Every structure is written in C-alpha cells, then in structure tokens.
Amino acid sequence: MKIIKSFRKTLSMSIDKDWVLIIKAPLFVTKKIIDGFIEKNKVWIEKRKNFILENVRNFEEWEKFYF
C-alpha cells in the first residue's frame, strides 16, 4: 500500500500496474481516517483483485493490460 498526500479535497484509491494499492489523500487527513476509508472499501478492493486475477494472461511485450 502506498499513501500519497497532496493538495486535494477527496480520498481516492486505485491499484497500479504492480498491484499496489494507491491511496491519494488530502494533507490534513489522519492515518485513522485513511484506515477507515480502506476498511469501508474492502469489498471494492477484493472485487478489483479478483477481476485482475481472473483476467490476467500472458501478454506480448507490445500488448498492454488496462484495469
């Protein structure tokens, strides 16, 4: 998991190409709020992980895999 704090107003989450959960958060947000956000969205994280695992196949170097 990687947390990126910046000048923004909302929390967001995504999974990058290396399968790392990325959390983007405003500077003022505490670790407790981020942990609550992750806990609240565990279902989304699991669905995304399962979708990726089901759809992964061997790609040629010229092909790209979009989540």
C-alpha atoms as a PDB file:
ATOM      1  CA  MET A   1       0.000   0.000   0.000  1.00  0.00           C
ATOM      2  CA  LYS A   2       1.210   3.472  -0.875  1.00  0.00           C
ATOM      3  CA  ILE A   3      -0.258   6.671   0.566  1.00  0.00           C
ATOM      4  CA  ILE A   4       0.169   9.896  -1.394  1.00  0.00           C
ATOM      5  CA  LYS A   5      -0.805  13.107   0.363  1.00  0.00           C
ATOM      6  CA  SER A   6      -1.270  16.261  -1.674  1.00  0.00           C
ATOM      7  CA  PHE A   7      -3.353  19.403  -2.034  1.00  0.00           C
ATOM      8  CA  ARG A   8      -6.677  17.760  -2.850  1.00  0.00           C
ATOM      9  CA  LYS A   9     -10.149  17.641  -1.318  1.00  0.00           C
ATOM     10  CA  THR A  10     -11.095  13.968  -1.563  1.00  0.00           C
ATOM     11  CA  LEU A  11      -9.780  10.491  -0.853  1.00  0.00           C
ATOM     12  CA  SER A  12      -9.295   8.103  -3.751  1.00  0.00           C
ATOM     13  CA  MET A  13      -7.903   4.646  -4.244  1.00  0.00           C
ATOM     14  CA  SER A  14      -6.594   2.679  -7.174  1.00  0.00           C
ATOM     15  CA  ILE A  15      -4.461  -0.330  -7.961  1.00  0.00           C
ATOM     16  CA  ASP A  16      -1.391   0.295 -10.090  1.00  0.00           C
ATOM     17  CA  LYS A  17       0.282  -1.929 -12.661  1.00  0.00           C
ATOM     18  CA  ASP A  18       2.426  -3.568  -9.953  1.00  0.00           C
ATOM     19  CA  TRP A  19      -0.719  -4.496  -7.969  1.00  0.00           C
ATOM     20  CA  VAL A  20      -0.019  -1.956  -5.247  1.00  0.00           C
ATOM     21  CA  LEU A  21      -2.969  -0.226  -3.593  1.00  0.00           C
ATOM     22  CA  ILE A  22      -2.558   3.538  -4.021  1.00  0.00           C
ATOM     23  CA  ILE A  23      -4.402   5.855  -1.639  1.00  0.00           C
ATOM     24  CA  LYS A  24      -4.483   9.550  -2.534  1.00  0.00           C
ATOM     25  CA  ALA A  25      -5.457  11.797   0.352  1.00  0.00           C
ATOM     26  CA  PRO A  26      -5.532  15.460   1.363  1.00  0.00           C
ATOM     27  CA  LEU A  27      -2.661  16.684   3.539  1.00  0.00           C
ATOM     28  CA  PHE A  28      -4.875  17.152   6.625  1.00  0.00           C
ATOM     29  CA  VAL A  29      -6.291  13.595   6.673  1.00  0.00           C
ATOM     30  CA  THR A  30      -5.101  11.394   9.546  1.00  0.00           C
ATOM     31  CA  LYS A  31      -3.982   7.772   9.374  1.00  0.00           C
ATOM     32  CA  LYS A  32      -7.132   6.789  11.294  1.00  0.00           C
ATOM     33  CA  ILE A  33      -9.373   8.306   8.591  1.00  0.00           C
ATOM     34  CA  ILE A  34      -7.368   6.594   5.836  1.00  0.00           C
ATOM     35  CA  ASP A  35      -7.642   3.244   7.648  1.00  0.00           C
ATOM     36  CA  GLY A  36     -11.421   3.745   7.941  1.00  0.00           C
ATOM     37  CA  PHE A  37     -11.611   4.554   4.221  1.00  0.00           C
ATOM     38  CA  ILE A  38      -9.741   1.349   3.376  1.00  0.00           C
ATOM     39  CA  GLU A  39     -11.933  -0.701   5.725  1.00  0.00           C
ATOM     40  CA  LYS A  40     -15.111   0.805   4.222  1.00  0.00           C
ATOM     41  CA  ASN A  41     -13.940  -0.078   0.696  1.00  0.00           C
ATOM     42  CA  LYS A  42     -12.607  -3.598   1.338  1.00  0.00           C
ATOM     43  CA  VAL A  43     -15.303  -5.097  -0.886  1.00  0.00           C
ATOM     44  CA  TRP A  44     -14.153  -2.921  -3.822  1.00  0.00           C
ATOM     45  CA  ILE A  45     -10.525  -3.893  -3.202  1.00  0.00           C
ATOM     46  CA  GLU A  46     -11.382  -7.612  -3.189  1.00  0.00           C
ATOM     47  CA  LYS A  47     -13.554  -7.327  -6.323  1.00  0.00           C
ATOM     48  CA  ARG A  48     -10.790  -5.474  -8.139  1.00  0.00           C
ATOM     49  CA  LYS A  49      -8.170  -8.002  -7.055  1.00  0.00           C
ATOM     50  CA  ASN A  50     -10.342 -10.924  -8.169  1.00  0.00           C
ATOM     51  CA  PHE A  51     -11.148  -9.254 -11.501  1.00  0.00           C
ATOM     52  CA  ILE A  52      -7.464  -8.744 -12.205  1.00  0.00           C
ATOM     53  CA  LEU A  53      -6.542 -12.305 -11.207  1.00  0.00           C
ATOM     54  CA  GLU A  54      -9.279 -13.765 -13.432  1.00  0.00           C
ATOM     55  CA  ASN A  55      -8.323 -11.676 -16.440  1.00  0.00           C
ATOM     56  CA  VAL A  56      -4.566 -11.882 -16.344  1.00  0.00           C
ATOM     57  CA  ARG A  57      -2.967 -13.761 -19.201  1.00  0.00           C
ATOM     58  CA  ASN A  58       0.430 -13.825 -20.832  1.00  0.00           C
ATOM     59  CA  PHE A  59       0.994 -10.720 -22.890  1.00  0.00           C
ATOM     60  CA  GLU A  60       3.448  -9.998 -25.587  1.00  0.00           C
ATOM     61  CA  GLU A  61       5.696  -7.049 -24.907  1.00  0.00           C
ATOM     62  CA  TRP A  62       3.725  -4.852 -27.315  1.00  0.00           C
ATOM     63  CA  GLU A  63       0.392  -5.550 -25.636  1.00  0.00           C
ATOM     64  CA  LYS A  64      -0.932  -3.567 -22.674  1.00  0.00           C
ATOM     65  CA  PHE A  65      -3.289  -4.634 -19.916  1.00  0.00           C
ATOM     66  CA  TYR A  66      -5.759  -1.968 -18.785  1.00  0.00           C
ATOM     67  CA  PHE A  67      -7.541  -2.482 -15.477  1.00  0.00           C
END
